[in-house]
Amino acid sequence: MKNKDMMKQLHEMSEMELNEKRKDLKEEIFNVRFKLVTDHAGDFTRIKYNKRLIARINTIIRERELASK
């Protein structure tokens, strides 16, 4: 149920909001990786979750591009 709600929210976002969210997720992945390398406690499962979320965002953006053609 949580994924369906998240997907619904993503579909309701504008393209600019999606791009901003994607940028924030990439920054979070970088920060988590940096913490792991420097031996600070980090939640490495967030990397996988954020990568999947970025892929979903990319899919939504691409669907919109194809629909507008």
PDB file of N, CA and C in Angstrom:
ATOM      1  N   MET A   1       0.818  -1.191   0.000  1.00  0.00           N
ATOM      2  CA  MET A   1       0.000   0.000   0.000  1.00  0.00           C
ATOM      3  C   MET A   1       0.863   1.257   0.000  1.00  0.00           C
ATOM      4  N   LYS A   2       1.986   1.180   0.676  1.00  0.00           N
ATOM      5  CA  LYS A   2       2.850   2.341   0.766  1.00  0.00           C
ATOM      6  C   LYS A   2       3.406   2.728  -0.605  1.00  0.00           C
ATOM      7  N   ASN A   3       3.802   1.732  -1.407  1.00  0.00           N
ATOM      8  CA  ASN A   3       4.322   2.007  -2.740  1.00  0.00           C
ATOM      9  C   ASN A   3       3.277   2.621  -3.649  1.00  0.00           C
ATOM     10  N   LYS A   4       2.044   2.162  -3.539  1.00  0.00           N
ATOM     11  CA  LYS A   4       0.974   2.719  -4.367  1.00  0.00           C
ATOM     12  C   LYS A   4       0.737   4.185  -4.046  1.00  0.00           C
ATOM     13  N   ASP A   5       0.771   4.518  -2.772  1.00  0.00           N
ATOM     14  CA  ASP A   5       0.598   5.911  -2.374  1.00  0.00           C
ATOM     15  C   ASP A   5       1.752   6.762  -2.875  1.00  0.00           C
ATOM     16  N   MET A   6       2.966   6.218  -2.774  1.00  0.00           N
ATOM     17  CA  MET A   6       4.138   6.944  -3.238  1.00  0.00           C
ATOM     18  C   MET A   6       4.072   7.168  -4.747  1.00  0.00           C
ATOM     19  N   MET A   7       3.691   6.134  -5.479  1.00  0.00           N
ATOM     20  CA  MET A   7       3.588   6.250  -6.930  1.00  0.00           C
ATOM     21  C   MET A   7       2.518   7.262  -7.324  1.00  0.00           C
ATOM     22  N   LYS A   8       1.434   7.283  -6.588  1.00  0.00           N
ATOM     23  CA  LYS A   8       0.381   8.250  -6.863  1.00  0.00           C
ATOM     24  C   LYS A   8       0.901   9.674  -6.659  1.00  0.00           C
ATOM     25  N   GLN A   9       1.658   9.871  -5.589  1.00  0.00           N
ATOM     26  CA  GLN A   9       2.238  11.189  -5.326  1.00  0.00           C
ATOM     27  C   GLN A   9       3.222  11.586  -6.427  1.00  0.00           C
ATOM     28  N   LEU A  10       4.030  10.635  -6.881  1.00  0.00           N
ATOM     29  CA  LEU A  10       4.991  10.938  -7.939  1.00  0.00           C
ATOM     30  C   LEU A  10       4.282  11.316  -9.237  1.00  0.00           C
ATOM     31  N   HIS A  11       3.204  10.628  -9.560  1.00  0.00           N
ATOM     32  CA  HIS A  11       2.469  10.926 -10.792  1.00  0.00           C
ATOM     33  C   HIS A  11       1.793  12.295 -10.729  1.00  0.00           C
ATOM     34  N   GLU A  12       1.492  12.758  -9.537  1.00  0.00           N
ATOM     35  CA  GLU A  12       0.846  14.056  -9.376  1.00  0.00           C
ATOM     36  C   GLU A  12       1.835  15.217  -9.409  1.00  0.00           C
ATOM     37  N   MET A  13       3.121  14.934  -9.279  1.00  0.00           N
ATOM     38  CA  MET A  13       4.141  15.983  -9.282  1.00  0.00           C
ATOM     39  C   MET A  13       4.379  16.504 -10.693  1.00  0.00           C
ATOM     40  N   SER A  14       4.789  17.769 -10.754  1.00  0.00           N
ATOM     41  CA  SER A  14       5.161  18.337 -12.047  1.00  0.00           C
ATOM     42  C   SER A  14       6.547  17.833 -12.431  1.00  0.00           C
ATOM     43  N   GLU A  15       6.924  18.079 -13.668  1.00  0.00           N
ATOM     44  CA  GLU A  15       8.229  17.601 -14.134  1.00  0.00           C
ATOM     45  C   GLU A  15       9.361  18.296 -13.385  1.00  0.00           C
ATOM     46  N   MET A  16       9.180  19.552 -13.063  1.00  0.00           N
ATOM     47  CA  MET A  16      10.202  20.284 -12.319  1.00  0.00           C
ATOM     48  C   MET A  16      10.364  19.703 -10.909  1.00  0.00           C
ATOM     49  N   GLU A  17       9.257  19.361 -10.280  1.00  0.00           N
ATOM     50  CA  GLU A  17       9.306  18.751  -8.951  1.00  0.00           C
ATOM     51  C   GLU A  17       9.976  17.379  -9.004  1.00  0.00           C
ATOM     52  N   LEU A  18       9.688  16.613 -10.048  1.00  0.00           N
ATOM     53  CA  LEU A  18      10.307  15.298 -10.206  1.00  0.00           C
ATOM     54  C   LEU A  18      11.820  15.423 -10.382  1.00  0.00           C
ATOM     55  N   ASN A  19      12.238  16.386 -11.187  1.00  0.00           N
ATOM     56  CA  ASN A  19      13.671  16.590 -11.387  1.00  0.00           C
ATOM     57  C   ASN A  19      14.353  17.006 -10.084  1.00  0.00           C
ATOM     58  N   GLU A  20      13.696  17.850  -9.302  1.00  0.00           N
ATOM     59  CA  GLU A  20      14.246  18.277  -8.018  1.00  0.00           C
ATOM     60  C   GLU A  20      14.345  17.097  -7.047  1.00  0.00           C
ATOM     61  N   LYS A  21      13.312  16.261  -7.022  1.00  0.00           N
ATOM     62  CA  LYS A  21      13.306  15.081  -6.144  1.00  0.00           C
ATOM     63  C   LYS A  21      14.428  14.121  -6.547  1.00  0.00           C
ATOM     64  N   ARG A  22      14.595  13.930  -7.853  1.00  0.00           N
ATOM     65  CA  ARG A  22      15.648  13.050  -8.357  1.00  0.00           C
ATOM     66  C   ARG A  22      17.025  13.577  -7.938  1.00  0.00           C
ATOM     67  N   LYS A  23      17.211  14.878  -8.033  1.00  0.00           N
ATOM     68  CA  LYS A  23      18.480  15.494  -7.625  1.00  0.00           C
ATOM     69  C   LYS A  23      18.729  15.283  -6.129  1.00  0.00           C
ATOM     70  N   ASP A  24      17.690  15.472  -5.316  1.00  0.00           N
ATOM     71  CA  ASP A  24      17.822  15.273  -3.871  1.00  0.00           C
ATOM     72  C   ASP A  24      18.163  13.822  -3.530  1.00  0.00           C
ATOM     73  N   LEU A  25      17.552  12.885  -4.230  1.00  0.00           N
ATOM     74  CA  LEU A  25      17.827  11.464  -3.982  1.00  0.00           C
ATOM     75  C   LEU A  25      19.264  11.103  -4.348  1.00  0.00           C
ATOM     76  N   LYS A  26      19.755  11.664  -5.454  1.00  0.00           N
ATOM     77  CA  LYS A  26      21.137  11.397  -5.847  1.00  0.00           C
ATOM     78  C   LYS A  26      22.106  11.954  -4.810  1.00  0.00           C
ATOM     79  N   GLU A  27      21.790  13.122  -4.269  1.00  0.00           N
ATOM     80  CA  GLU A  27      22.632  13.704  -3.217  1.00  0.00           C
ATOM     81  C   GLU A  27      22.606  12.834  -1.959  1.00  0.00           C
ATOM     82  N   GLU A  28      21.435  12.302  -1.632  1.00  0.00           N
ATOM     83  CA  GLU A  28      21.322  11.440  -0.454  1.00  0.00           C
ATOM     84  C   GLU A  28      22.132  10.156  -0.644  1.00  0.00           C
ATOM     85  N   ILE A  29      22.096   9.582  -1.844  1.00  0.00           N
ATOM     86  CA  ILE A  29      22.903   8.393  -2.129  1.00  0.00           C
ATOM     87  C   ILE A  29      24.383   8.715  -1.936  1.00  0.00           C
ATOM     88  N   PHE A  30      24.807   9.856  -2.454  1.00  0.00           N
ATOM     89  CA  PHE A  30      26.208  10.260  -2.294  1.00  0.00           C
ATOM     90  C   PHE A  30      26.571  10.382  -0.820  1.00  0.00           C
ATOM     91  N   ASN A  31      25.700  11.019  -0.045  1.00  0.00           N
ATOM     92  CA  ASN A  31      25.979  11.215   1.380  1.00  0.00           C
ATOM     93  C   ASN A  31      26.039   9.895   2.138  1.00  0.00           C
ATOM     94  N   VAL A  32      25.150   8.968   1.824  1.00  0.00           N
ATOM     95  CA  VAL A  32      25.159   7.665   2.497  1.00  0.00           C
ATOM     96  C   VAL A  32      26.429   6.907   2.144  1.00  0.00           C
ATOM     97  N   ARG A  33      26.828   6.933   0.874  1.00  0.00           N
ATOM     98  CA  ARG A  33      28.064   6.262   0.459  1.00  0.00           C
ATOM     99  C   ARG A  33      29.273   6.883   1.147  1.00  0.00           C
ATOM    100  N   PHE A  34      29.271   8.199   1.249  1.00  0.00           N
ATOM    101  CA  PHE A  34      30.380   8.888   1.915  1.00  0.00           C
ATOM    102  C   PHE A  34      30.478   8.471   3.374  1.00  0.00           C
ATOM    103  N   LYS A  35      29.328   8.370   4.046  1.00  0.00           N
ATOM    104  CA  LYS A  35      29.324   7.935   5.441  1.00  0.00           C
ATOM    105  C   LYS A  35      29.829   6.505   5.581  1.00  0.00           C
ATOM    106  N   LEU A  36      29.463   5.641   4.645  1.00  0.00           N
ATOM    107  CA  LEU A  36      29.927   4.253   4.701  1.00  0.00           C
ATOM    108  C   LEU A  36      31.434   4.160   4.522  1.00  0.00           C
ATOM    109  N   VAL A  37      31.972   4.975   3.635  1.00  0.00           N
ATOM    110  CA  VAL A  37      33.414   4.943   3.376  1.00  0.00           C
ATOM    111  C   VAL A  37      34.190   5.486   4.568  1.00  0.00           C
ATOM    112  N   THR A  38      33.638   6.490   5.227  1.00  0.00           N
ATOM    113  CA  THR A  38      34.347   7.096   6.356  1.00  0.00           C
ATOM    114  C   THR A  38      34.022   6.405   7.673  1.00  0.00           C
ATOM    115  N   ASP A  39      33.426   5.235   7.604  1.00  0.00           N
ATOM    116  CA  ASP A  39      33.129   4.405   8.779  1.00  0.00           C
ATOM    117  C   ASP A  39      32.153   5.041   9.773  1.00  0.00           C
ATOM    118  N   HIS A  40      31.313   5.919   9.305  1.00  0.00           N
ATOM    119  CA  HIS A  40      30.244   6.426  10.155  1.00  0.00           C
ATOM    120  C   HIS A  40      29.027   5.527   9.964  1.00  0.00           C
ATOM    121  N   ALA A  41      28.198   5.473  10.965  1.00  0.00           N
ATOM    122  CA  ALA A  41      26.996   4.641  10.867  1.00  0.00           C
ATOM    123  C   ALA A  41      26.088   5.227   9.799  1.00  0.00           C
ATOM    124  N   GLY A  42      25.717   4.417   8.855  1.00  0.00           N
ATOM    125  CA  GLY A  42      24.838   4.850   7.785  1.00  0.00           C
ATOM    126  C   GLY A  42      23.859   3.754   7.438  1.00  0.00           C
ATOM    127  N   ASP A  43      22.749   4.128   6.903  1.00  0.00           N
ATOM    128  CA  ASP A  43      21.734   3.160   6.514  1.00  0.00           C
ATOM    129  C   ASP A  43      21.934   2.822   5.041  1.00  0.00           C
ATOM    130  N   PHE A  44      22.728   1.784   4.775  1.00  0.00           N
ATOM    131  CA  PHE A  44      23.057   1.440   3.395  1.00  0.00           C
ATOM    132  C   PHE A  44      21.858   0.942   2.607  1.00  0.00           C
ATOM    133  N   THR A  45      20.783   0.538   3.281  1.00  0.00           N
ATOM    134  CA  THR A  45      19.591   0.097   2.554  1.00  0.00           C
ATOM    135  C   THR A  45      18.916   1.271   1.842  1.00  0.00           C
ATOM    136  N   ARG A  46      19.204   2.479   2.286  1.00  0.00           N
ATOM    137  CA  ARG A  46      18.650   3.673   1.636  1.00  0.00           C
ATOM    138  C   ARG A  46      19.189   3.823   0.224  1.00  0.00           C
ATOM    139  N   ILE A  47      20.394   3.326  -0.036  1.00  0.00           N
ATOM    140  CA  ILE A  47      20.971   3.421  -1.376  1.00  0.00           C
ATOM    141  C   ILE A  47      20.099   2.654  -2.366  1.00  0.00           C
ATOM    142  N   LYS A  48      19.777   1.422  -2.033  1.00  0.00           N
ATOM    143  CA  LYS A  48      18.954   0.591  -2.917  1.00  0.00           C
ATOM    144  C   LYS A  48      17.566   1.200  -3.097  1.00  0.00           C
ATOM    145  N   TYR A  49      16.969   1.652  -1.986  1.00  0.00           N
ATOM    146  CA  TYR A  49      15.641   2.253  -2.038  1.00  0.00           C
ATOM    147  C   TYR A  49      15.644   3.500  -2.926  1.00  0.00           C
ATOM    148  N   ASN A  50      16.647   4.353  -2.752  1.00  0.00           N
ATOM    149  CA  ASN A  50      16.710   5.593  -3.525  1.00  0.00           C
ATOM    150  C   ASN A  50      16.982   5.328  -4.998  1.00  0.00           C
ATOM    151  N   LYS A  51      17.799   4.325  -5.303  1.00  0.00           N
ATOM    152  CA  LYS A  51      18.050   3.979  -6.705  1.00  0.00           C
ATOM    153  C   LYS A  51      16.761   3.545  -7.392  1.00  0.00           C
ATOM    154  N   ARG A  52      15.967   2.767  -6.690  1.00  0.00           N
ATOM    155  CA  ARG A  52      14.688   2.321  -7.262  1.00  0.00           C
ATOM    156  C   ARG A  52      13.732   3.496  -7.446  1.00  0.00           C
ATOM    157  N   LEU A  53      13.736   4.402  -6.489  1.00  0.00           N
ATOM    158  CA  LEU A  53      12.873   5.572  -6.583  1.00  0.00           C
ATOM    159  C   LEU A  53      13.303   6.469  -7.746  1.00  0.00           C
ATOM    160  N   ILE A  54      14.602   6.612  -7.952  1.00  0.00           N
ATOM    161  CA  ILE A  54      15.106   7.381  -9.093  1.00  0.00           C
ATOM    162  C   ILE A  54      14.669   6.728 -10.398  1.00  0.00           C
ATOM    163  N   ALA A  55      14.730   5.413 -10.465  1.00  0.00           N
ATOM    164  CA  ALA A  55      14.293   4.692 -11.672  1.00  0.00           C
ATOM    165  C   ALA A  55      12.802   4.921 -11.922  1.00  0.00           C
ATOM    166  N   ARG A  56      12.012   4.932 -10.864  1.00  0.00           N
ATOM    167  CA  ARG A  56      10.573   5.186 -11.021  1.00  0.00           C
ATOM    168  C   ARG A  56      10.327   6.594 -11.539  1.00  0.00           C
ATOM    169  N   ILE A  57      11.077   7.554 -11.009  1.00  0.00           N
ATOM    170  CA  ILE A  57      10.940   8.933 -11.453  1.00  0.00           C
ATOM    171  C   ILE A  57      11.332   9.054 -12.921  1.00  0.00           C
ATOM    172  N   ASN A  58      12.438   8.417 -13.300  1.00  0.00           N
ATOM    173  CA  ASN A  58      12.862   8.436 -14.706  1.00  0.00           C
ATOM    174  C   ASN A  58      11.799   7.823 -15.612  1.00  0.00           C
ATOM    175  N   THR A  59      11.157   6.778 -15.156  1.00  0.00           N
ATOM    176  CA  THR A  59      10.100   6.132 -15.940  1.00  0.00           C
ATOM    177  C   THR A  59       8.918   7.075 -16.133  1.00  0.00           C
ATOM    178  N   ILE A  60       8.521   7.760 -15.083  1.00  0.00           N
ATOM    179  CA  ILE A  60       7.401   8.697 -15.175  1.00  0.00           C
ATOM    180  C   ILE A  60       7.735   9.831 -16.133  1.00  0.00           C
ATOM    181  N   ILE A  61       8.948  10.358 -16.038  1.00  0.00           N
ATOM    182  CA  ILE A  61       9.361  11.434 -16.937  1.00  0.00           C
ATOM    183  C   ILE A  61       9.341  10.953 -18.383  1.00  0.00           C
ATOM    184  N   ARG A  62       9.851   9.762 -18.625  1.00  0.00           N
ATOM    185  CA  ARG A  62       9.884   9.218 -19.988  1.00  0.00           C
ATOM    186  C   ARG A  62       8.473   8.956 -20.516  1.00  0.00           C
ATOM    187  N   GLU A  63       7.577   8.459 -19.675  1.00  0.00           N
ATOM    188  CA  GLU A  63       6.187   8.233 -20.079  1.00  0.00           C
ATOM    189  C   GLU A  63       5.544   9.544 -20.520  1.00  0.00           C
ATOM    190  N   ARG A  64       5.824  10.600 -19.786  1.00  0.00           N
ATOM    191  CA  ARG A  64       5.259  11.908 -20.123  1.00  0.00           C
ATOM    192  C   ARG A  64       5.832  12.425 -21.433  1.00  0.00           C
ATOM    193  N   GLU A  65       7.118  12.193 -21.683  1.00  0.00           N
ATOM    194  CA  GLU A  65       7.733  12.603 -22.942  1.00  0.00           C
ATOM    195  C   GLU A  65       7.072  11.888 -24.111  1.00  0.00           C
ATOM    196  N   LEU A  66       6.868  10.585 -23.972  1.00  0.00           N
ATOM    197  CA  LEU A  66       6.260   9.817 -25.050  1.00  0.00           C
ATOM    198  C   LEU A  66       4.800  10.186 -25.260  1.00  0.00           C
ATOM    199  N   ALA A  67       4.113  10.514 -24.187  1.00  0.00           N
ATOM    200  CA  ALA A  67       2.700  10.875 -24.305  1.00  0.00           C
ATOM    201  C   ALA A  67       2.522  12.237 -24.987  1.00  0.00           C
ATOM    202  N   SER A  68       3.495  13.119 -24.825  1.00  0.00           N
ATOM    203  CA  SER A  68       3.367  14.448 -25.419  1.00  0.00           C
ATOM    204  C   SER A  68       3.705  14.464 -26.909  1.00  0.00           C
ATOM    205  N   LYS A  69       4.332  13.393 -27.401  1.00  0.00           N
ATOM    206  CA  LYS A  69       4.701  13.340 -28.822  1.00  0.00           C
ATOM    207  C   LYS A  69       3.554  12.979 -29.664  1.00  0.00           C
TER     208      LYS A  69
END
